[in-house]
Protein backbone atom coordinates (compact mmCIF):
# COMPACT_ATOMS: atom_id res chain seq x y z
CA ILE A 1 -100.18 -55.91 106.44
CA SER A 2 -101.92 -56.29 103.14
CA ALA A 3 -103.43 -53.82 100.74
CA CYS A 4 -105.56 -54.52 97.75
CA LEU A 5 -107.10 -52.56 94.94
CA VAL A 6 -110.39 -54.05 93.81
CA GLY A 7 -111.82 -52.16 90.86
CA SER A 8 -111.22 -48.65 92.09
CA GLU A 9 -111.66 -49.40 95.82
CA MET A 10 -108.62 -49.80 98.05
CA CYS A 11 -108.71 -51.60 101.36
CA ILE A 12 -106.05 -51.95 104.05
CA ARG A 13 -106.11 -54.95 106.35
CA ASP A 14 -103.84 -55.37 109.35
CA ARG A 15 -102.67 -58.77 110.51
CA ASP A 16 -101.78 -60.31 113.85
CA CYS A 17 -99.68 -57.76 115.73
CA GLY A 18 -99.26 -59.84 118.89
CA SER A 19 -98.49 -57.64 121.88
CA THR A 20 -96.85 -54.92 119.73
CA GLY A 21 -100.23 -53.26 119.10
CA SER A 22 -100.99 -52.78 122.78
CA GLY A 23 -101.90 -49.17 123.56
CA LEU A 24 -102.13 -48.09 119.92
CA SER A 25 -105.38 -46.66 118.58
CA THR A 26 -104.61 -44.99 115.22
CA VAL A 27 -102.93 -45.86 111.94
CA ASP A 28 -101.69 -43.03 109.69
CA MET A 29 -101.20 -43.55 105.96
CA LYS A 30 -98.83 -41.35 103.98
CA PHE A 31 -98.16 -41.59 100.26
CA ASP A 32 -94.76 -41.23 98.58
CA PRO A 33 -95.51 -40.37 94.93
CA ALA A 34 -91.89 -39.38 94.25
CA ALA A 35 -90.84 -42.99 94.92
CA GLY A 36 -93.57 -44.19 92.53
CA SER A 37 -94.58 -42.81 89.16
CA GLY A 38 -94.35 -39.20 90.41
CA ILE A 39 -96.63 -36.18 90.64
CA ASP A 40 -98.56 -35.10 87.54
CA LEU A 41 -96.85 -32.00 86.13
CA LYS A 42 -100.12 -30.56 84.77
CA ASP A 43 -102.14 -31.06 88.00
CA PRO A 44 -100.02 -31.57 91.15
CA ARG A 45 -102.97 -33.09 93.04
CA LEU A 46 -102.73 -36.15 90.79
CA LEU A 47 -100.39 -39.11 90.45
CA LYS A 48 -98.46 -39.05 87.18
CA THR A 49 -99.31 -41.84 84.76
CA GLN A 50 -96.86 -43.94 82.77
CA GLY A 51 -97.53 -45.36 79.33
CA ALA A 52 -98.71 -44.18 75.93
CA GLY A 53 -101.93 -42.67 77.30
CA LYS A 54 -101.80 -38.90 77.88
CA GLY A 55 -104.13 -36.24 79.24
CA VAL A 56 -105.00 -37.92 82.54
CA GLY A 57 -103.58 -38.37 86.00
CA ILE A 58 -104.71 -40.71 88.75
CA ALA A 59 -106.65 -39.20 91.64
CA ILE A 60 -106.89 -40.88 95.03
CA TYR A 61 -110.17 -40.00 96.76
CA ASN A 62 -110.72 -40.15 100.53
CA GLU A 63 -113.87 -41.37 102.27
CA ASN A 64 -115.41 -37.89 101.82
CA ASN A 65 -114.94 -38.16 98.05
CA GLN A 66 -112.25 -35.46 98.07
CA ILE A 67 -108.99 -35.77 96.15
CA VAL A 68 -105.97 -36.51 98.33
CA ASN A 69 -103.44 -33.94 97.12
CA MET A 70 -100.31 -35.83 96.04
CA SER A 71 -98.09 -32.75 96.40
CA ALA A 72 -99.35 -31.75 99.87
CA ASN A 73 -97.98 -34.67 101.93
CA GLU A 74 -101.43 -35.30 103.40
CA ILE A 75 -101.87 -37.95 106.08
CA ILE A 76 -104.99 -40.12 106.18
CA SER A 77 -105.84 -41.65 109.55
CA GLY A 78 -107.93 -44.63 110.56
CA THR A 79 -108.96 -46.13 113.87
CA LEU A 80 -107.00 -49.19 114.96
CA THR A 81 -109.11 -51.72 116.85
CA GLN A 82 -108.35 -55.11 118.34
CA SER A 83 -110.70 -57.68 116.87
CA PRO A 84 -111.70 -59.94 118.45
CA PRO A 85 -110.70 -58.42 121.84
CA SER A 86 -107.54 -59.70 123.57
CA THR A 87 -106.32 -61.68 120.55
CA GLY A 88 -103.46 -59.49 119.29
CA THR A 89 -105.16 -59.13 115.92
CA TYR A 90 -105.78 -55.51 115.01
CA LYS A 91 -107.88 -54.12 112.20
CA SER A 92 -108.12 -50.74 110.57
CA SER A 93 -110.11 -49.49 107.65
CA ILE A 94 -109.00 -46.60 105.49
CA SER A 95 -111.45 -46.00 102.68
CA LEU A 96 -109.89 -44.82 99.44
CA ARG A 97 -110.67 -45.10 95.79
CA ALA A 98 -108.78 -44.25 92.63
CA GLY A 99 -109.87 -42.83 89.32
CA TYR A 100 -108.54 -41.14 86.21
CA VAL A 101 -108.94 -37.36 86.09
CA ALA A 102 -108.29 -35.19 83.03
CA ASN A 103 -105.39 -32.80 83.35
CA THR A 104 -104.76 -29.93 80.93
CA GLU A 105 -102.69 -32.04 78.52
CA ASP A 106 -104.23 -33.10 75.19
CA PHE A 107 -105.84 -36.54 75.45
CA VAL A 108 -104.14 -39.48 73.74
CA ALA A 109 -105.64 -42.98 74.06
CA GLY A 110 -103.42 -45.68 75.51
CA GLN A 111 -102.24 -47.36 78.66
CA ALA A 112 -101.95 -45.01 81.66
CA ASN A 113 -100.75 -46.77 84.81
CA GLY A 114 -99.22 -45.48 88.01
CA THR A 115 -97.48 -46.72 91.13
CA LEU A 116 -97.89 -45.15 94.57
CA PRO A 117 -95.85 -46.43 97.50
CA PHE A 118 -97.20 -45.67 100.98
CA SER A 119 -96.20 -46.02 104.60
CA LEU A 120 -98.30 -46.84 107.66
CA THR A 121 -97.46 -45.39 111.07
CA TYR A 122 -99.12 -46.71 114.20
CA ARG A 123 -99.67 -44.51 117.25
């Protein structure tokens, strides 16, 4: 499995699953902000940033352009398809993007990075 962040767009690509993907049709993605940089204390929907920059958190947006609430343990699902058919290679697309969002803290210029581990569950 590979994930990439290009600009602010995130893409998930599944690799060759062999026969282990047989009968599966959905992939669920769940974030674990506590294992990463944490939840923003000023706005719990956001990922906490690390660095000298202050006054922003990182929002993850779903395909409907809505913020995925970091403190709500939301699950994002995508369709798992075999492509090409009968090859054992499965693909799924979960459309996400990231962006900085102001929280209520006073703004201070500087680096503001975050880490956000995630898990994928196939069903």
